[in-house]
Protein backbone atom coordinates (compact mmCIF):
# COMPACT_ATOMS: atom_id res chain seq x y z
CA MET A 1 0.01 0.03 -0.09
CA ASP A 2 3.01 2.38 0.75
CA ALA A 3 4.22 1.99 -2.78
CA LEU A 4 0.81 2.96 -4.27
CA ARG A 5 0.71 6.06 -1.97
CA ILE A 6 4.29 6.93 -3.15
CA ALA A 7 3.30 6.34 -6.93
CA THR A 8 0.19 8.44 -6.49
CA LYS A 9 2.28 11.31 -4.97
CA ALA A 10 4.92 11.04 -7.83
CA VAL A 11 2.10 11.39 -10.41
CA GLU A 12 0.67 14.51 -8.72
CA ILE A 13 4.12 16.15 -8.42
CA TYR A 14 4.69 15.50 -12.16
CA ALA A 15 1.39 16.87 -13.16
CA ALA A 16 1.73 19.87 -11.11
CA ARG A 17 5.18 20.62 -12.75
CA HIS A 18 4.18 19.57 -16.31
CA PRO A 19 0.74 21.04 -16.96
CA ARG A 20 -1.03 20.11 -20.22
CA PRO A 21 -1.26 22.86 -22.78
CA PRO A 22 -4.68 24.12 -23.65
CA HIS A 23 -3.87 23.75 -27.44
CA VAL A 24 -1.59 21.58 -29.41
CA THR A 25 -0.07 21.52 -32.92
CA ILE A 26 -1.08 18.89 -35.50
CA THR A 27 2.21 17.14 -34.91
CA GLN A 28 1.60 17.10 -31.12
CA ALA A 29 -1.82 15.86 -31.51
CA ALA A 30 -0.54 13.16 -33.83
CA GLU A 31 1.94 12.07 -31.20
CA MET A 32 -0.59 11.98 -28.45
CA LEU A 33 -2.89 10.01 -30.54
CA GLY A 34 -0.39 7.52 -31.76
CA ARG A 35 -1.28 8.53 -35.26
CA SER A 36 0.66 10.17 -38.29
CA ARG A 37 0.51 13.77 -38.95
CA GLY A 38 -1.32 12.95 -42.25
CA THR A 39 -3.99 10.92 -40.39
CA VAL A 40 -4.59 13.87 -38.08
CA SER A 41 -4.89 16.22 -41.08
CA THR A 42 -7.33 13.90 -42.82
CA MET A 43 -9.34 13.86 -39.40
CA LEU A 44 -9.22 17.79 -39.68
CA ASP A 45 -10.57 17.63 -43.13
CA ARG A 46 -13.42 15.22 -42.22
CA TYR A 47 -14.28 17.42 -39.19
CA LYS A 48 -13.43 14.95 -36.55
CA ILE A 49 -10.95 17.43 -35.07
CA ARG A 50 -11.30 21.15 -35.18
CA LEU A 51 -8.83 24.06 -35.25
CA ASN A 52 -9.09 27.17 -33.00
CA ALA A 53 -8.63 30.65 -34.17
CA CYS A 54 -4.79 30.24 -33.73
CA GLY A 55 -4.69 27.19 -35.98
CA GLN A 56 -4.16 24.77 -33.15
CA ILE A 57 -6.09 21.85 -31.85
CA PRO A 58 -7.85 22.34 -28.43
CA ILE A 59 -6.72 19.58 -25.99
CA GLU A 60 -10.36 18.72 -25.36
CA CYS A 61 -10.53 17.29 -28.96
CA VAL A 62 -7.49 15.16 -28.35
CA ASP A 63 -9.07 13.99 -25.04
CA ARG A 64 -12.31 13.11 -26.69
CA LEU A 65 -10.56 10.99 -29.39
CA LEU A 66 -8.45 9.18 -26.81
CA ALA A 67 -11.55 8.35 -24.69
CA ALA A 68 -13.37 7.07 -27.81
CA SER A 69 -10.41 4.78 -28.52
CA ASP A 70 -10.53 2.97 -25.28
């Protein structure tokens, strides 16, 4: 049980020091999704992912696709 508590604390510390960005590039989204940049571009063309006004992908879109693949 002690190991679980230590691991949980380590994850909390890491998350606090490395917050997730609110938006990612197409390349970053591809890495997060385990897909190629071309596949993510196709997903954009088919409106499965949207770009924001800055031309980046909101992290919520990536999260939605990751949740759907589980």
